[in-house]
Amino acid sequence: MSNLYWLTEEQMRRLRPYFPRSRGRPRVDDRRVLSGIIFINRNGLRWCDAPAAYGPPKTLYNRWKRWSDIGVFARIMTGLAAEAPDNQTISIDATYLKAHRTASSLGLKKGGVVV
């Protein structure tokens, strides 16, 4: 049994209206790439550590970067939240934060005091 994350067809049906239109060449499979992006973010992995089943890490990163820059993920969250206005069933958890190992020393200045 695989521990990879895959979006279902029902989930993809709900998300497709928020995707930008493809210009020129057809895009790589949206389900595969978006599932890979979610897997990477959920597990706190580096792009280069993406399982091969999701395709090349560069593809995952490029799609994440491009769609982040044009606001696709923000539109998805806003649109899905608007679909179900019952606030008891909507929960977006953002409590998991990762700090770089040098973050603890950012408040220190040479010869300064810890605040």
C-alpha atoms as a PDB file:
ATOM      1  CA  MET A   1       0.000   0.000   0.000  1.00  0.00           C
ATOM      2  CA  SER A   2       1.346   3.402  -0.997  1.00  0.00           C
ATOM      3  CA  ASN A   3       1.465   6.361   1.346  1.00  0.00           C
ATOM      4  CA  LEU A   4       1.386   8.856  -1.527  1.00  0.00           C
ATOM      5  CA  TYR A   5      -1.392  11.436  -1.618  1.00  0.00           C
ATOM      6  CA  TRP A   6      -3.712  11.521  -4.641  1.00  0.00           C
ATOM      7  CA  LEU A   7      -6.588  13.899  -5.228  1.00  0.00           C
ATOM      8  CA  THR A   8      -9.815  12.112  -6.138  1.00  0.00           C
ATOM      9  CA  GLU A   9     -11.725  12.796  -9.350  1.00  0.00           C
ATOM     10  CA  GLU A  10     -14.446  14.502  -7.268  1.00  0.00           C
ATOM     11  CA  GLN A  11     -11.863  16.831  -5.716  1.00  0.00           C
ATOM     12  CA  MET A  12     -10.377  17.590  -9.145  1.00  0.00           C
ATOM     13  CA  ARG A  13     -13.849  18.352 -10.503  1.00  0.00           C
ATOM     14  CA  ARG A  14     -14.275  20.987  -7.783  1.00  0.00           C
ATOM     15  CA  LEU A  15     -10.804  22.467  -8.350  1.00  0.00           C
ATOM     16  CA  ARG A  16     -10.707  22.615 -12.180  1.00  0.00           C
ATOM     17  CA  PRO A  17     -12.706  25.870 -12.515  1.00  0.00           C
ATOM     18  CA  TYR A  18      -9.921  27.689 -10.630  1.00  0.00           C
ATOM     19  CA  PHE A  19      -7.088  26.507 -12.897  1.00  0.00           C
ATOM     20  CA  PRO A  20      -5.762  28.951 -15.485  1.00  0.00           C
ATOM     21  CA  ARG A  21      -6.409  28.126 -19.118  1.00  0.00           C
ATOM     22  CA  SER A  22      -3.686  26.277 -20.954  1.00  0.00           C
ATOM     23  CA  ARG A  23      -2.015  28.226 -23.754  1.00  0.00           C
ATOM     24  CA  GLY A  24      -0.048  26.476 -26.452  1.00  0.00           C
ATOM     25  CA  ARG A  25       1.097  23.030 -25.387  1.00  0.00           C
ATOM     26  CA  PRO A  26      -1.202  21.014 -23.122  1.00  0.00           C
ATOM     27  CA  ARG A  27      -0.129  21.014 -19.458  1.00  0.00           C
ATOM     28  CA  VAL A  28       1.263  17.985 -17.692  1.00  0.00           C
ATOM     29  CA  ASP A  29      -1.467  16.090 -15.809  1.00  0.00           C
ATOM     30  CA  ASP A  30      -2.937  18.582 -13.304  1.00  0.00           C
ATOM     31  CA  ARG A  31      -4.005  15.838 -10.885  1.00  0.00           C
ATOM     32  CA  ARG A  32      -0.523  14.349 -10.692  1.00  0.00           C
ATOM     33  CA  VAL A  33       1.231  17.701 -10.262  1.00  0.00           C
ATOM     34  CA  LEU A  34      -1.239  19.162  -7.758  1.00  0.00           C
ATOM     35  CA  SER A  35      -1.187  15.946  -5.716  1.00  0.00           C
ATOM     36  CA  GLY A  36       2.610  16.177  -5.672  1.00  0.00           C
ATOM     37  CA  ILE A  37       2.551  19.810  -4.541  1.00  0.00           C
ATOM     38  CA  ILE A  38       0.159  18.944  -1.711  1.00  0.00           C
ATOM     39  CA  PHE A  39       2.315  15.949  -0.719  1.00  0.00           C
ATOM     40  CA  ILE A  40       5.480  18.083  -0.605  1.00  0.00           C
ATOM     41  CA  ASN A  41       3.837  20.853   1.435  1.00  0.00           C
ATOM     42  CA  ARG A  42       2.038  18.469   3.791  1.00  0.00           C
ATOM     43  CA  ASN A  43       5.221  16.558   4.605  1.00  0.00           C
ATOM     44  CA  GLY A  44       7.573  19.550   4.669  1.00  0.00           C
ATOM     45  CA  LEU A  45       9.848  18.066   2.018  1.00  0.00           C
ATOM     46  CA  ARG A  46      12.240  19.758  -0.371  1.00  0.00           C
ATOM     47  CA  TRP A  47      11.195  19.755  -4.023  1.00  0.00           C
ATOM     48  CA  CYS A  48      14.071  17.441  -4.910  1.00  0.00           C
ATOM     49  CA  ASP A  49      12.705  14.856  -2.444  1.00  0.00           C
ATOM     50  CA  ALA A  50       9.408  14.455  -4.301  1.00  0.00           C
ATOM     51  CA  PRO A  51       8.534  10.818  -5.060  1.00  0.00           C
ATOM     52  CA  ALA A  52       8.993   9.917  -8.731  1.00  0.00           C
ATOM     53  CA  ALA A  53       5.284   9.054  -9.047  1.00  0.00           C
ATOM     54  CA  TYR A  54       4.495  12.793  -9.094  1.00  0.00           C
ATOM     55  CA  GLY A  55       6.874  13.513 -11.964  1.00  0.00           C
ATOM     56  CA  PRO A  56      10.015  15.643 -12.096  1.00  0.00           C
ATOM     57  CA  PRO A  57      10.556  17.903  -9.048  1.00  0.00           C
ATOM     58  CA  LYS A  58      11.270  20.841 -11.373  1.00  0.00           C
ATOM     59  CA  THR A  59       7.772  20.489 -12.865  1.00  0.00           C
ATOM     60  CA  LEU A  60       6.200  20.503  -9.399  1.00  0.00           C
ATOM     61  CA  TYR A  61       8.168  23.577  -8.357  1.00  0.00           C
ATOM     62  CA  ASN A  62       7.521  25.469 -11.598  1.00  0.00           C
ATOM     63  CA  ARG A  63       3.766  24.874 -11.389  1.00  0.00           C
ATOM     64  CA  TRP A  64       3.684  25.824  -7.697  1.00  0.00           C
ATOM     65  CA  LYS A  65       5.684  29.006  -8.335  1.00  0.00           C
ATOM     66  CA  ARG A  66       3.751  30.056 -11.445  1.00  0.00           C
ATOM     67  CA  TRP A  67       0.337  29.402  -9.902  1.00  0.00           C
ATOM     68  CA  SER A  68       1.328  31.082  -6.622  1.00  0.00           C
ATOM     69  CA  ASP A  69       2.465  34.199  -8.477  1.00  0.00           C
ATOM     70  CA  ILE A  70      -0.828  34.555 -10.349  1.00  0.00           C
ATOM     71  CA  GLY A  71      -2.967  33.780  -7.283  1.00  0.00           C
ATOM     72  CA  VAL A  72      -4.439  30.421  -8.284  1.00  0.00           C
ATOM     73  CA  PHE A  73      -4.093  28.876  -4.819  1.00  0.00           C
ATOM     74  CA  ALA A  74      -5.628  31.948  -3.161  1.00  0.00           C
ATOM     75  CA  ARG A  75      -8.592  31.749  -5.580  1.00  0.00           C
ATOM     76  CA  ILE A  76      -9.000  28.049  -4.802  1.00  0.00           C
ATOM     77  CA  MET A  77      -9.143  28.696  -1.042  1.00  0.00           C
ATOM     78  CA  THR A  78     -11.517  31.648  -1.432  1.00  0.00           C
ATOM     79  CA  GLY A  79     -13.753  29.773  -3.862  1.00  0.00           C
ATOM     80  CA  LEU A  80     -13.968  26.610  -1.780  1.00  0.00           C
ATOM     81  CA  ALA A  81     -14.684  28.620   1.378  1.00  0.00           C
ATOM     82  CA  ALA A  82     -17.488  30.483  -0.430  1.00  0.00           C
ATOM     83  CA  GLU A  83     -19.081  27.203  -1.593  1.00  0.00           C
ATOM     84  CA  ALA A  84     -19.816  26.105   1.976  1.00  0.00           C
ATOM     85  CA  PRO A  85     -20.530  29.121   4.181  1.00  0.00           C
ATOM     86  CA  ASP A  86     -21.134  26.894   7.218  1.00  0.00           C
ATOM     87  CA  ASN A  87     -18.156  27.983   9.334  1.00  0.00           C
ATOM     88  CA  GLN A  88     -18.325  24.858  11.466  1.00  0.00           C
ATOM     89  CA  THR A  89     -17.251  22.638   8.568  1.00  0.00           C
ATOM     90  CA  ILE A  90     -14.497  24.849   7.134  1.00  0.00           C
ATOM     91  CA  SER A  91     -11.101  24.594   8.708  1.00  0.00           C
ATOM     92  CA  ILE A  92      -7.797  25.618   7.194  1.00  0.00           C
ATOM     93  CA  ASP A  93      -5.038  24.682   9.582  1.00  0.00           C
ATOM     94  CA  ALA A  94      -1.912  26.802   9.384  1.00  0.00           C
ATOM     95  CA  THR A  95      -0.396  25.944  12.739  1.00  0.00           C
ATOM     96  CA  TYR A  96       2.478  23.905  11.319  1.00  0.00           C
ATOM     97  CA  LEU A  97       5.380  26.273  10.785  1.00  0.00           C
ATOM     98  CA  LYS A  98       8.955  25.336  10.052  1.00  0.00           C
ATOM     99  CA  ALA A  99      11.801  27.605  11.079  1.00  0.00           C
ATOM    100  CA  HIS A 100      15.223  27.442   9.514  1.00  0.00           C
ATOM    101  CA  ARG A 101      17.952  26.332  11.898  1.00  0.00           C
ATOM    102  CA  THR A 102      19.497  29.834  11.838  1.00  0.00           C
ATOM    103  CA  ALA A 103      16.217  31.543  12.773  1.00  0.00           C
ATOM    104  CA  SER A 104      16.954  31.325  16.489  1.00  0.00           C
ATOM    105  CA  SER A 105      19.983  33.572  16.115  1.00  0.00           C
ATOM    106  CA  LEU A 106      18.328  36.259  13.967  1.00  0.00           C
ATOM    107  CA  GLY A 107      17.503  38.411  16.984  1.00  0.00           C
ATOM    108  CA  LEU A 108      21.137  38.517  18.067  1.00  0.00           C
ATOM    109  CA  LYS A 109      23.401  41.323  16.974  1.00  0.00           C
ATOM    110  CA  LYS A 110      27.123  41.412  17.444  1.00  0.00           C
ATOM    111  CA  GLY A 111      27.727  42.725  20.928  1.00  0.00           C
ATOM    112  CA  GLY A 112      23.980  43.116  21.450  1.00  0.00           C
ATOM    113  CA  VAL A 113      21.617  41.667  23.964  1.00  0.00           C
ATOM    114  CA  VAL A 114      18.974  39.030  23.376  1.00  0.00           C
ATOM    115  CA  VAL A 115      15.595  40.727  23.385  1.00  0.00           C
END
